[in-house]
Amino acid sequence: MKNAALAFSAACLNRKTMLLFATYCSANKEVGTDDMPAVERYISDRITGVHAMATAAEARFAILSGKFGLLEAHDPVPYYDHLLHPSELDGMTQRVATTLAEWGITEIRWFSVAFEMDPNVTRYRDVMLRAATQLDAAFDLDLWSPAGTSGLV
């Protein structure tokens, strides 16, 4: 048993940390028929702020779309309107877990408004938490509380 614990500790020490700053998409979107980079499609101070924080921290950045899964800032996104439905949680969790594994993510900082402000965001948090758990990635929740109230969700 002692050797197994030592081997696990050594593996953890040798595992390179790959940090992801992530948040969920926004119902407010830039209207247009052409695809747009994800960070431009969604109109949200939260998304813009988390993207800036990820850039400053030299971390990977992603937006969880209820339709497309994890999107990087410059991934092209068409205009759409879709809220992640409870029946889609299992499938989206697998999709996100696959992407996290491909990216080599070991730690996730998840940014969200308080769940009382928008109960729908719990679905997106649940997907990320379940995917992180499957991959044994650390998961930290940061409540987003910008100075203003525009673009919170």
N, C-alpha and C. Protein backbone atom coordinates (compact mmCIF):
# COMPACT_ATOMS: atom_id res chain seq x y z
N MET A 1 0.82 -1.19 0.00
CA MET A 1 0.00 0.00 0.00
C MET A 1 0.87 1.26 0.00
N LYS A 2 1.97 1.23 0.77
CA LYS A 2 2.85 2.38 0.86
C LYS A 2 3.47 2.69 -0.51
N ASN A 3 3.88 1.66 -1.26
CA ASN A 3 4.47 1.87 -2.58
C ASN A 3 3.48 2.49 -3.55
N ALA A 4 2.22 2.07 -3.48
CA ALA A 4 1.19 2.63 -4.35
C ALA A 4 0.98 4.11 -4.04
N ALA A 5 0.99 4.47 -2.77
CA ALA A 5 0.82 5.87 -2.38
C ALA A 5 2.00 6.71 -2.85
N LEU A 6 3.21 6.17 -2.75
CA LEU A 6 4.39 6.88 -3.22
C LEU A 6 4.36 7.06 -4.74
N ALA A 7 3.95 6.02 -5.45
CA ALA A 7 3.85 6.10 -6.90
C ALA A 7 2.82 7.14 -7.31
N PHE A 8 1.67 7.18 -6.61
CA PHE A 8 0.64 8.17 -6.91
C PHE A 8 1.17 9.58 -6.66
N SER A 9 1.86 9.79 -5.54
CA SER A 9 2.42 11.10 -5.21
C SER A 9 3.43 11.53 -6.27
N ALA A 10 4.28 10.62 -6.70
CA ALA A 10 5.27 10.94 -7.72
C ALA A 10 4.60 11.31 -9.04
N ALA A 11 3.55 10.58 -9.39
CA ALA A 11 2.82 10.88 -10.63
C ALA A 11 2.20 12.27 -10.55
N CYS A 12 1.65 12.62 -9.39
CA CYS A 12 1.04 13.95 -9.22
C CYS A 12 2.10 15.05 -9.33
N LEU A 13 3.28 14.83 -8.75
CA LEU A 13 4.33 15.82 -8.81
C LEU A 13 4.86 16.00 -10.22
N ASN A 14 4.87 14.93 -11.00
CA ASN A 14 5.39 14.99 -12.37
C ASN A 14 4.35 15.47 -13.38
N ARG A 15 3.10 15.54 -12.97
CA ARG A 15 2.03 15.95 -13.87
C ARG A 15 2.07 17.45 -14.04
N LYS A 16 2.25 17.90 -15.26
CA LYS A 16 2.30 19.32 -15.55
C LYS A 16 0.90 19.92 -15.41
N THR A 17 0.82 21.03 -14.71
CA THR A 17 -0.46 21.70 -14.53
C THR A 17 -0.85 22.42 -15.80
N MET A 18 -2.05 22.12 -16.30
CA MET A 18 -2.61 22.82 -17.45
C MET A 18 -3.89 23.47 -16.96
N LEU A 19 -3.83 24.78 -16.80
CA LEU A 19 -4.91 25.55 -16.22
C LEU A 19 -5.87 26.07 -17.28
N LEU A 20 -7.15 25.92 -17.01
CA LEU A 20 -8.21 26.43 -17.89
C LEU A 20 -9.05 27.42 -17.11
N PHE A 21 -9.22 28.62 -17.64
CA PHE A 21 -10.21 29.57 -17.15
C PHE A 21 -11.42 29.38 -18.04
N ALA A 22 -12.58 29.10 -17.45
CA ALA A 22 -13.76 28.81 -18.26
C ALA A 22 -15.00 29.46 -17.67
N THR A 23 -15.95 29.70 -18.54
CA THR A 23 -17.25 30.24 -18.16
C THR A 23 -18.26 29.75 -19.18
N TYR A 24 -19.52 30.03 -18.92
CA TYR A 24 -20.59 29.58 -19.83
C TYR A 24 -20.92 30.69 -20.83
N CYS A 25 -21.63 30.32 -21.87
CA CYS A 25 -21.99 31.25 -22.93
C CYS A 25 -23.01 32.28 -22.43
N SER A 26 -23.49 33.08 -23.33
CA SER A 26 -24.43 34.15 -22.98
C SER A 26 -25.64 34.09 -23.90
N ALA A 27 -26.81 34.38 -23.34
CA ALA A 27 -28.01 34.46 -24.16
C ALA A 27 -27.93 35.66 -25.10
N ASN A 28 -27.23 36.71 -24.68
CA ASN A 28 -27.05 37.89 -25.52
C ASN A 28 -25.94 37.62 -26.51
N LYS A 29 -26.29 37.72 -27.79
CA LYS A 29 -25.32 37.42 -28.84
C LYS A 29 -25.33 38.52 -29.88
N GLU A 30 -24.17 38.72 -30.47
CA GLU A 30 -24.04 39.62 -31.60
C GLU A 30 -24.78 38.98 -32.77
N VAL A 31 -25.71 39.72 -33.36
CA VAL A 31 -26.51 39.19 -34.46
C VAL A 31 -25.71 39.30 -35.75
N GLY A 32 -25.77 38.28 -36.53
CA GLY A 32 -25.09 38.27 -37.82
C GLY A 32 -25.19 36.89 -38.42
N THR A 33 -25.23 36.82 -39.73
CA THR A 33 -25.38 35.53 -40.38
C THR A 33 -24.05 34.81 -40.54
N ASP A 34 -22.95 35.55 -40.58
CA ASP A 34 -21.63 34.92 -40.72
C ASP A 34 -21.14 34.42 -39.36
N ASP A 35 -20.31 33.38 -39.39
CA ASP A 35 -19.69 32.91 -38.16
C ASP A 35 -18.81 34.02 -37.60
N MET A 36 -18.72 34.07 -36.27
CA MET A 36 -17.88 35.05 -35.58
C MET A 36 -17.06 34.32 -34.52
N PRO A 37 -15.88 34.84 -34.17
CA PRO A 37 -15.14 34.23 -33.06
C PRO A 37 -16.02 34.22 -31.80
N ALA A 38 -15.93 33.15 -31.05
CA ALA A 38 -16.79 32.98 -29.87
C ALA A 38 -16.72 34.18 -28.94
N VAL A 39 -15.53 34.69 -28.70
CA VAL A 39 -15.38 35.80 -27.75
C VAL A 39 -16.06 37.08 -28.26
N GLU A 40 -16.31 37.15 -29.57
CA GLU A 40 -17.03 38.30 -30.14
C GLU A 40 -18.53 38.03 -30.28
N ARG A 41 -18.90 36.78 -30.48
CA ARG A 41 -20.32 36.43 -30.67
C ARG A 41 -21.12 36.71 -29.41
N TYR A 42 -20.58 36.33 -28.26
CA TYR A 42 -21.30 36.48 -26.99
C TYR A 42 -21.09 37.88 -26.43
N ILE A 43 -22.19 38.53 -26.08
CA ILE A 43 -22.14 39.87 -25.49
C ILE A 43 -22.25 39.72 -23.99
N SER A 44 -21.10 39.80 -23.31
CA SER A 44 -21.08 39.57 -21.87
C SER A 44 -19.81 40.14 -21.25
N ASP A 45 -19.98 41.01 -20.25
CA ASP A 45 -18.83 41.51 -19.51
C ASP A 45 -18.09 40.37 -18.82
N ARG A 46 -18.84 39.36 -18.40
CA ARG A 46 -18.25 38.20 -17.73
C ARG A 46 -17.29 37.48 -18.67
N ILE A 47 -17.73 37.19 -19.88
CA ILE A 47 -16.88 36.47 -20.84
C ILE A 47 -15.66 37.31 -21.20
N THR A 48 -15.86 38.59 -21.47
CA THR A 48 -14.75 39.48 -21.79
C THR A 48 -13.76 39.54 -20.64
N GLY A 49 -14.28 39.65 -19.41
CA GLY A 49 -13.42 39.74 -18.24
C GLY A 49 -12.64 38.46 -17.98
N VAL A 50 -13.30 37.31 -18.09
CA VAL A 50 -12.61 36.03 -17.86
C VAL A 50 -11.56 35.80 -18.94
N HIS A 51 -11.88 36.17 -20.16
CA HIS A 51 -10.90 36.04 -21.25
C HIS A 51 -9.66 36.89 -20.95
N ALA A 52 -9.86 38.11 -20.49
CA ALA A 52 -8.73 38.99 -20.16
C ALA A 52 -7.92 38.41 -19.00
N MET A 53 -8.59 37.86 -17.99
CA MET A 53 -7.89 37.26 -16.86
C MET A 53 -7.08 36.04 -17.29
N ALA A 54 -7.65 35.22 -18.16
CA ALA A 54 -6.94 34.04 -18.66
C ALA A 54 -5.69 34.45 -19.43
N THR A 55 -5.83 35.46 -20.26
CA THR A 55 -4.69 35.96 -21.03
C THR A 55 -3.59 36.46 -20.10
N ALA A 56 -3.98 37.24 -19.08
CA ALA A 56 -2.99 37.77 -18.13
C ALA A 56 -2.30 36.65 -17.35
N ALA A 57 -3.04 35.58 -17.05
CA ALA A 57 -2.48 34.46 -16.28
C ALA A 57 -1.79 33.43 -17.17
N GLU A 58 -1.80 33.66 -18.48
CA GLU A 58 -1.24 32.72 -19.45
C GLU A 58 -1.88 31.34 -19.32
N ALA A 59 -3.20 31.36 -19.10
CA ALA A 59 -3.98 30.12 -18.98
C ALA A 59 -4.81 29.95 -20.24
N ARG A 60 -5.25 28.75 -20.47
CA ARG A 60 -6.16 28.48 -21.57
C ARG A 60 -7.52 29.05 -21.21
N PHE A 61 -8.30 29.44 -22.20
CA PHE A 61 -9.61 30.03 -22.00
C PHE A 61 -10.64 29.28 -22.82
N ALA A 62 -11.83 29.07 -22.24
CA ALA A 62 -12.91 28.42 -22.98
C ALA A 62 -14.26 28.92 -22.50
N ILE A 63 -15.21 28.86 -23.42
CA ILE A 63 -16.61 29.18 -23.16
C ILE A 63 -17.39 27.89 -23.36
N LEU A 64 -18.21 27.53 -22.38
CA LEU A 64 -19.06 26.34 -22.53
C LEU A 64 -20.38 26.75 -23.16
N SER A 65 -20.58 26.30 -24.37
CA SER A 65 -21.82 26.53 -25.11
C SER A 65 -22.74 25.33 -24.90
N GLY A 66 -24.00 25.60 -24.64
CA GLY A 66 -24.97 24.52 -24.48
C GLY A 66 -25.24 23.77 -25.77
N LYS A 67 -24.81 24.34 -26.87
CA LYS A 67 -25.01 23.69 -28.17
C LYS A 67 -23.72 23.08 -28.72
N PHE A 68 -22.59 23.77 -28.54
CA PHE A 68 -21.35 23.37 -29.19
C PHE A 68 -20.29 22.78 -28.26
N GLY A 69 -20.52 22.79 -26.95
CA GLY A 69 -19.50 22.30 -26.02
C GLY A 69 -18.49 23.39 -25.73
N LEU A 70 -17.25 22.99 -25.44
CA LEU A 70 -16.21 23.97 -25.11
C LEU A 70 -15.69 24.65 -26.37
N LEU A 71 -15.66 25.96 -26.32
CA LEU A 71 -15.19 26.77 -27.44
C LEU A 71 -14.00 27.60 -26.99
N GLU A 72 -13.00 27.67 -27.83
CA GLU A 72 -11.90 28.59 -27.57
C GLU A 72 -12.31 29.97 -28.08
N ALA A 73 -11.59 31.00 -27.65
CA ALA A 73 -11.96 32.38 -27.94
C ALA A 73 -12.18 32.64 -29.43
N HIS A 74 -11.35 32.07 -30.26
CA HIS A 74 -11.42 32.37 -31.69
C HIS A 74 -12.15 31.32 -32.52
N ASP A 75 -12.75 30.33 -31.86
CA ASP A 75 -13.55 29.34 -32.60
C ASP A 75 -14.73 30.04 -33.28
N PRO A 76 -14.97 29.75 -34.56
CA PRO A 76 -16.10 30.38 -35.25
C PRO A 76 -17.43 29.83 -34.74
N VAL A 77 -18.36 30.74 -34.47
CA VAL A 77 -19.67 30.37 -33.93
C VAL A 77 -20.75 31.05 -34.76
N PRO A 78 -21.72 30.28 -35.27
CA PRO A 78 -22.85 30.90 -35.96
C PRO A 78 -23.82 31.49 -34.93
N TYR A 79 -24.72 32.33 -35.39
CA TYR A 79 -25.76 32.82 -34.49
C TYR A 79 -26.69 31.65 -34.17
N TYR A 80 -27.06 31.49 -32.90
CA TYR A 80 -27.96 30.43 -32.49
C TYR A 80 -28.63 30.84 -31.19
N ASP A 81 -29.65 30.10 -30.82
CA ASP A 81 -30.34 30.32 -29.55
C ASP A 81 -30.64 28.95 -28.96
N HIS A 82 -29.87 28.57 -27.94
CA HIS A 82 -30.06 27.25 -27.34
C HIS A 82 -29.60 27.30 -25.89
N LEU A 83 -30.47 26.93 -24.98
CA LEU A 83 -30.15 26.80 -23.57
C LEU A 83 -29.97 25.33 -23.26
N LEU A 84 -28.87 24.99 -22.60
CA LEU A 84 -28.60 23.60 -22.25
C LEU A 84 -29.78 23.03 -21.46
N HIS A 85 -30.34 21.95 -21.96
CA HIS A 85 -31.52 21.32 -21.34
C HIS A 85 -31.05 20.22 -20.40
N PRO A 86 -31.77 20.00 -19.29
CA PRO A 86 -31.37 18.94 -18.35
C PRO A 86 -31.16 17.57 -19.01
N SER A 87 -31.92 17.26 -20.04
CA SER A 87 -31.78 15.97 -20.71
C SER A 87 -30.45 15.86 -21.49
N GLU A 88 -29.76 16.97 -21.69
CA GLU A 88 -28.51 16.99 -22.45
C GLU A 88 -27.26 16.91 -21.57
N LEU A 89 -27.44 16.89 -20.25
CA LEU A 89 -26.29 16.97 -19.34
C LEU A 89 -25.31 15.82 -19.51
N ASP A 90 -25.80 14.59 -19.59
CA ASP A 90 -24.90 13.44 -19.72
C ASP A 90 -24.07 13.50 -21.00
N GLY A 91 -24.72 13.76 -22.10
CA GLY A 91 -24.02 13.85 -23.38
C GLY A 91 -23.02 14.99 -23.42
N MET A 92 -23.41 16.14 -22.87
CA MET A 92 -22.50 17.29 -22.87
C MET A 92 -21.33 17.05 -21.92
N THR A 93 -21.58 16.36 -20.81
CA THR A 93 -20.49 16.05 -19.88
C THR A 93 -19.43 15.21 -20.59
N GLN A 94 -19.85 14.21 -21.35
CA GLN A 94 -18.89 13.36 -22.07
C GLN A 94 -18.14 14.17 -23.12
N ARG A 95 -18.85 15.03 -23.82
CA ARG A 95 -18.23 15.87 -24.85
C ARG A 95 -17.16 16.78 -24.23
N VAL A 96 -17.50 17.40 -23.10
CA VAL A 96 -16.57 18.30 -22.42
C VAL A 96 -15.39 17.52 -21.86
N ALA A 97 -15.64 16.37 -21.26
CA ALA A 97 -14.56 15.55 -20.71
C ALA A 97 -13.57 15.15 -21.81
N THR A 98 -14.07 14.81 -22.98
CA THR A 98 -13.21 14.47 -24.11
C THR A 98 -12.34 15.65 -24.50
N THR A 99 -12.93 16.84 -24.59
CA THR A 99 -12.17 18.04 -24.96
C THR A 99 -11.13 18.37 -23.90
N LEU A 100 -11.52 18.31 -22.63
CA LEU A 100 -10.56 18.59 -21.55
C LEU A 100 -9.37 17.62 -21.61
N ALA A 101 -9.65 16.36 -21.88
CA ALA A 101 -8.58 15.37 -21.99
C ALA A 101 -7.67 15.68 -23.18
N GLU A 102 -8.27 16.03 -24.32
CA GLU A 102 -7.47 16.37 -25.51
C GLU A 102 -6.58 17.58 -25.24
N TRP A 103 -7.06 18.54 -24.48
CA TRP A 103 -6.30 19.74 -24.16
C TRP A 103 -5.29 19.50 -23.03
N GLY A 104 -5.41 18.37 -22.34
CA GLY A 104 -4.51 18.08 -21.23
C GLY A 104 -4.77 18.91 -19.99
N ILE A 105 -6.02 19.32 -19.79
CA ILE A 105 -6.38 20.18 -18.66
C ILE A 105 -6.32 19.40 -17.35
N THR A 106 -5.65 19.98 -16.36
CA THR A 106 -5.54 19.36 -15.04
C THR A 106 -6.20 20.21 -13.95
N GLU A 107 -6.50 21.47 -14.28
CA GLU A 107 -7.11 22.38 -13.30
C GLU A 107 -8.06 23.34 -14.00
N ILE A 108 -9.25 23.52 -13.42
CA ILE A 108 -10.26 24.38 -14.01
C ILE A 108 -10.66 25.45 -13.01
N ARG A 109 -10.64 26.70 -13.45
CA ARG A 109 -11.24 27.80 -12.69
C ARG A 109 -12.50 28.18 -13.44
N TRP A 110 -13.64 27.92 -12.81
CA TRP A 110 -14.95 28.13 -13.41
C TRP A 110 -15.53 29.44 -12.89
N PHE A 111 -15.92 30.33 -13.77
CA PHE A 111 -16.45 31.64 -13.41
C PHE A 111 -17.94 31.68 -13.71
N SER A 112 -18.73 32.08 -12.71
CA SER A 112 -20.18 32.09 -12.84
C SER A 112 -20.77 33.19 -11.96
N VAL A 113 -21.91 33.70 -12.39
CA VAL A 113 -22.67 34.56 -11.49
C VAL A 113 -23.27 33.66 -10.41
N ALA A 114 -23.75 34.26 -9.34
CA ALA A 114 -24.39 33.49 -8.28
C ALA A 114 -25.59 32.75 -8.86
N PHE A 115 -25.78 31.53 -8.41
CA PHE A 115 -26.85 30.70 -8.97
C PHE A 115 -28.22 31.27 -8.69
N GLU A 116 -28.35 32.07 -7.65
CA GLU A 116 -29.64 32.72 -7.36
C GLU A 116 -29.99 33.75 -8.42
N MET A 117 -28.99 34.30 -9.08
CA MET A 117 -29.23 35.30 -10.13
C MET A 117 -29.78 34.65 -11.40
N ASP A 118 -29.32 33.45 -11.68
CA ASP A 118 -29.75 32.73 -12.87
C ASP A 118 -29.63 31.23 -12.61
N PRO A 119 -30.75 30.58 -12.23
CA PRO A 119 -30.67 29.15 -11.91
C PRO A 119 -30.23 28.27 -13.07
N ASN A 120 -30.33 28.75 -14.30
CA ASN A 120 -29.92 27.95 -15.45
C ASN A 120 -28.42 27.70 -15.48
N VAL A 121 -27.63 28.57 -14.84
CA VAL A 121 -26.18 28.40 -14.91
C VAL A 121 -25.71 27.17 -14.13
N THR A 122 -26.55 26.64 -13.25
CA THR A 122 -26.15 25.45 -12.51
C THR A 122 -25.94 24.26 -13.45
N ARG A 123 -26.68 24.20 -14.53
CA ARG A 123 -26.51 23.10 -15.50
C ARG A 123 -25.10 23.12 -16.10
N TYR A 124 -24.66 24.31 -16.46
CA TYR A 124 -23.35 24.46 -17.07
C TYR A 124 -22.25 24.13 -16.06
N ARG A 125 -22.42 24.60 -14.83
CA ARG A 125 -21.47 24.27 -13.76
C ARG A 125 -21.43 22.77 -13.52
N ASP A 126 -22.60 22.14 -13.50
CA ASP A 126 -22.66 20.69 -13.28
C ASP A 126 -21.92 19.93 -14.36
N VAL A 127 -22.05 20.35 -15.60
CA VAL A 127 -21.34 19.69 -16.70
C VAL A 127 -19.83 19.79 -16.48
N MET A 128 -19.35 20.99 -16.18
CA MET A 128 -17.91 21.17 -15.99
C MET A 128 -17.39 20.41 -14.77
N LEU A 129 -18.14 20.44 -13.69
CA LEU A 129 -17.73 19.74 -12.48
C LEU A 129 -17.69 18.23 -12.71
N ARG A 130 -18.71 17.70 -13.37
CA ARG A 130 -18.75 16.26 -13.64
C ARG A 130 -17.62 15.85 -14.58
N ALA A 131 -17.34 16.67 -15.60
CA ALA A 131 -16.25 16.36 -16.54
C ALA A 131 -14.90 16.43 -15.82
N ALA A 132 -14.72 17.43 -14.97
CA ALA A 132 -13.48 17.56 -14.20
C ALA A 132 -13.29 16.34 -13.29
N THR A 133 -14.36 15.92 -12.66
CA THR A 133 -14.30 14.76 -11.76
C THR A 133 -13.89 13.51 -12.53
N GLN A 134 -14.45 13.32 -13.72
CA GLN A 134 -14.08 12.16 -14.53
C GLN A 134 -12.59 12.13 -14.83
N LEU A 135 -11.99 13.30 -15.01
CA LEU A 135 -10.58 13.38 -15.39
C LEU A 135 -9.66 13.59 -14.18
N ASP A 136 -10.23 13.64 -13.00
CA ASP A 136 -9.47 13.91 -11.79
C ASP A 136 -8.76 15.26 -11.88
N ALA A 137 -9.42 16.23 -12.49
CA ALA A 137 -8.89 17.59 -12.60
C ALA A 137 -9.44 18.43 -11.44
N ALA A 138 -8.63 19.31 -10.92
CA ALA A 138 -9.08 20.21 -9.86
C ALA A 138 -10.13 21.16 -10.42
N PHE A 139 -11.10 21.51 -9.59
CA PHE A 139 -12.19 22.40 -10.02
C PHE A 139 -12.40 23.46 -8.95
N ASP A 140 -12.25 24.71 -9.32
CA ASP A 140 -12.49 25.83 -8.41
C ASP A 140 -13.56 26.73 -9.01
N LEU A 141 -14.51 27.11 -8.19
CA LEU A 141 -15.60 27.99 -8.61
C LEU A 141 -15.32 29.40 -8.13
N ASP A 142 -15.34 30.35 -9.06
CA ASP A 142 -15.18 31.77 -8.73
C ASP A 142 -16.46 32.49 -9.10
N LEU A 143 -17.07 33.15 -8.13
CA LEU A 143 -18.28 33.92 -8.42
C LEU A 143 -17.88 35.22 -9.10
N TRP A 144 -18.54 35.48 -10.22
CA TRP A 144 -18.27 36.68 -11.01
C TRP A 144 -19.18 37.78 -10.48
N SER A 145 -18.57 38.85 -10.03
CA SER A 145 -19.37 39.97 -9.51
C SER A 145 -18.77 41.28 -9.98
N PRO A 146 -19.03 41.62 -11.26
CA PRO A 146 -18.50 42.88 -11.79
C PRO A 146 -19.17 44.07 -11.12
N ALA A 147 -18.56 45.23 -11.28
CA ALA A 147 -19.06 46.45 -10.65
C ALA A 147 -20.46 46.81 -11.15
N GLY A 148 -20.71 46.66 -12.45
CA GLY A 148 -22.01 47.00 -13.02
C GLY A 148 -22.92 45.79 -13.07
N THR A 149 -24.08 45.98 -13.65
CA THR A 149 -25.03 44.87 -13.75
C THR A 149 -25.29 44.45 -15.19
N SER A 150 -24.74 45.16 -16.17
CA SER A 150 -25.00 44.78 -17.57
C SER A 150 -24.15 43.60 -17.96
N GLY A 151 -24.72 42.71 -18.74
CA GLY A 151 -23.99 41.58 -19.29
C GLY A 151 -23.63 40.50 -18.28
N LEU A 152 -24.35 40.39 -17.19
CA LEU A 152 -23.99 39.40 -16.18
C LEU A 152 -24.23 37.98 -16.64
N VAL A 153 -25.26 37.74 -17.39
CA VAL A 153 -25.57 36.36 -17.76
C VAL A 153 -25.50 36.18 -19.24
